[in-house]
């Protein structure tokens, strides 16, 4: 699992897997999940992260929360 932060866009992308993205699911206006062909989550795009991130409904939630906390991102459950 690795993370990329785009300061200008105030967005984070979290790579859960190295497989190619087949499709994307919009959870809400600030959270998107990318899936592989077999519907396994492979990545997350989180927008407006300086305001904090809602973590409910995210795959591998506890790992994601630990990663975001490590990068000093405020969490909302």
C-alpha atoms as a PDB file:
ATOM      1  CA  UNK A   1       0.000   0.000   0.000  1.00  0.00           C
ATOM      2  CA  UNK A   2       1.384   3.381  -0.974  1.00  0.00           C
ATOM      3  CA  UNK A   3       0.113   6.923  -1.049  1.00  0.00           C
ATOM      4  CA  UNK A   4       0.564   9.907  -3.369  1.00  0.00           C
ATOM      5  CA  UNK A   5      -0.430  13.402  -2.281  1.00  0.00           C
ATOM      6  CA  UNK A   6      -1.118  16.203  -4.753  1.00  0.00           C
ATOM      7  CA  UNK A   7      -0.891  19.398  -2.711  1.00  0.00           C
ATOM      8  CA  UNK A   8      -2.224  21.620  -5.512  1.00  0.00           C
ATOM      9  CA  UNK A   9      -5.331  19.453  -5.949  1.00  0.00           C
ATOM     10  CA  UNK A  10      -5.568  18.716  -2.192  1.00  0.00           C
ATOM     11  CA  UNK A  11      -6.032  15.067  -3.112  1.00  0.00           C
ATOM     12  CA  UNK A  12      -4.575  11.732  -2.094  1.00  0.00           C
ATOM     13  CA  UNK A  13      -4.414   8.548  -4.122  1.00  0.00           C
ATOM     14  CA  UNK A  14      -3.881   5.328  -2.191  1.00  0.00           C
ATOM     15  CA  UNK A  15      -2.646   2.313  -4.129  1.00  0.00           C
ATOM     16  CA  UNK A  16      -4.022  -0.896  -2.626  1.00  0.00           C
ATOM     17  CA  UNK A  17      -2.835  -3.179  -5.431  1.00  0.00           C
ATOM     18  CA  UNK A  18      -0.766  -2.842  -8.615  1.00  0.00           C
ATOM     19  CA  UNK A  19      -3.383  -4.367 -10.904  1.00  0.00           C
ATOM     20  CA  UNK A  20      -4.942  -2.174 -13.606  1.00  0.00           C
ATOM     21  CA  UNK A  21      -8.148  -0.282 -12.914  1.00  0.00           C
ATOM     22  CA  UNK A  22     -11.206  -1.715 -14.643  1.00  0.00           C
ATOM     23  CA  UNK A  23     -13.858   0.607 -13.227  1.00  0.00           C
ATOM     24  CA  UNK A  24     -14.435   3.293 -10.598  1.00  0.00           C
ATOM     25  CA  UNK A  25     -17.195   3.667  -8.011  1.00  0.00           C
ATOM     26  CA  UNK A  26     -18.119   7.094  -6.666  1.00  0.00           C
ATOM     27  CA  UNK A  27     -18.923   6.889  -2.956  1.00  0.00           C
ATOM     28  CA  UNK A  28     -19.636  10.621  -2.765  1.00  0.00           C
ATOM     29  CA  UNK A  29     -18.211  13.850  -4.209  1.00  0.00           C
ATOM     30  CA  UNK A  30     -14.931  13.407  -2.300  1.00  0.00           C
ATOM     31  CA  UNK A  31     -14.237   9.649  -2.382  1.00  0.00           C
ATOM     32  CA  UNK A  32     -13.754   7.251  -5.281  1.00  0.00           C
ATOM     33  CA  UNK A  33     -12.768   3.582  -5.291  1.00  0.00           C
ATOM     34  CA  UNK A  34     -11.007   1.976  -8.269  1.00  0.00           C
ATOM     35  CA  UNK A  35     -11.586  -1.735  -8.880  1.00  0.00           C
ATOM     36  CA  UNK A  36      -9.801  -4.440 -10.839  1.00  0.00           C
ATOM     37  CA  UNK A  37     -11.676  -6.635 -13.334  1.00  0.00           C
ATOM     38  CA  UNK A  38     -12.612  -9.079 -10.528  1.00  0.00           C
ATOM     39  CA  UNK A  39     -14.099  -6.261  -8.368  1.00  0.00           C
ATOM     40  CA  UNK A  40     -11.149  -6.205  -5.958  1.00  0.00           C
ATOM     41  CA  UNK A  41     -10.409  -2.653  -4.755  1.00  0.00           C
ATOM     42  CA  UNK A  42      -7.066  -1.495  -6.184  1.00  0.00           C
ATOM     43  CA  UNK A  43      -7.046   2.201  -5.306  1.00  0.00           C
ATOM     44  CA  UNK A  44      -8.755   5.123  -3.623  1.00  0.00           C
ATOM     45  CA  UNK A  45      -8.942   8.758  -4.632  1.00  0.00           C
ATOM     46  CA  UNK A  46      -9.709  11.110  -1.755  1.00  0.00           C
ATOM     47  CA  UNK A  47     -10.370  14.796  -2.437  1.00  0.00           C
ATOM     48  CA  UNK A  48     -10.214  17.897  -0.182  1.00  0.00           C
ATOM     49  CA  UNK A  49      -8.096  15.951   2.301  1.00  0.00           C
ATOM     50  CA  UNK A  50      -6.926  19.041   4.197  1.00  0.00           C
ATOM     51  CA  UNK A  51     -10.491  19.238   5.587  1.00  0.00           C
ATOM     52  CA  UNK A  52     -10.316  15.596   6.709  1.00  0.00           C
ATOM     53  CA  UNK A  53     -11.432  12.266   5.285  1.00  0.00           C
ATOM     54  CA  UNK A  54     -14.568  10.237   5.968  1.00  0.00           C
ATOM     55  CA  UNK A  55     -13.376   6.657   6.377  1.00  0.00           C
ATOM     56  CA  UNK A  56     -16.614   4.693   6.643  1.00  0.00           C
ATOM     57  CA  UNK A  57     -17.303   2.492   3.612  1.00  0.00           C
ATOM     58  CA  UNK A  58     -13.608   2.392   2.614  1.00  0.00           C
ATOM     59  CA  UNK A  59     -11.995  -0.989   1.889  1.00  0.00           C
ATOM     60  CA  UNK A  60      -9.210  -1.979   4.281  1.00  0.00           C
ATOM     61  CA  UNK A  61     -10.456   0.791   6.550  1.00  0.00           C
ATOM     62  CA  UNK A  62      -8.128   0.218   9.501  1.00  0.00           C
ATOM     63  CA  UNK A  63      -5.043   0.157   7.248  1.00  0.00           C
ATOM     64  CA  UNK A  64      -6.240   3.281   5.410  1.00  0.00           C
ATOM     65  CA  UNK A  65      -6.850   5.101   8.690  1.00  0.00           C
ATOM     66  CA  UNK A  66      -3.379   4.198   9.973  1.00  0.00           C
ATOM     67  CA  UNK A  67      -1.809   5.430   6.729  1.00  0.00           C
ATOM     68  CA  UNK A  68      -3.757   8.703   6.790  1.00  0.00           C
ATOM     69  CA  UNK A  69      -2.940   9.302  10.460  1.00  0.00           C
ATOM     70  CA  UNK A  70       0.734   8.758   9.667  1.00  0.00           C
ATOM     71  CA  UNK A  71       0.416  11.609   7.145  1.00  0.00           C
ATOM     72  CA  UNK A  72      -1.458  13.800   9.692  1.00  0.00           C
ATOM     73  CA  UNK A  73      -4.778  13.694   7.834  1.00  0.00           C
ATOM     74  CA  UNK A  74      -7.834  14.290  10.037  1.00  0.00           C
ATOM     75  CA  UNK A  75     -10.282  11.362  10.069  1.00  0.00           C
ATOM     76  CA  UNK A  76     -14.055  11.263  10.332  1.00  0.00           C
ATOM     77  CA  UNK A  77     -15.768   7.936  10.963  1.00  0.00           C
END
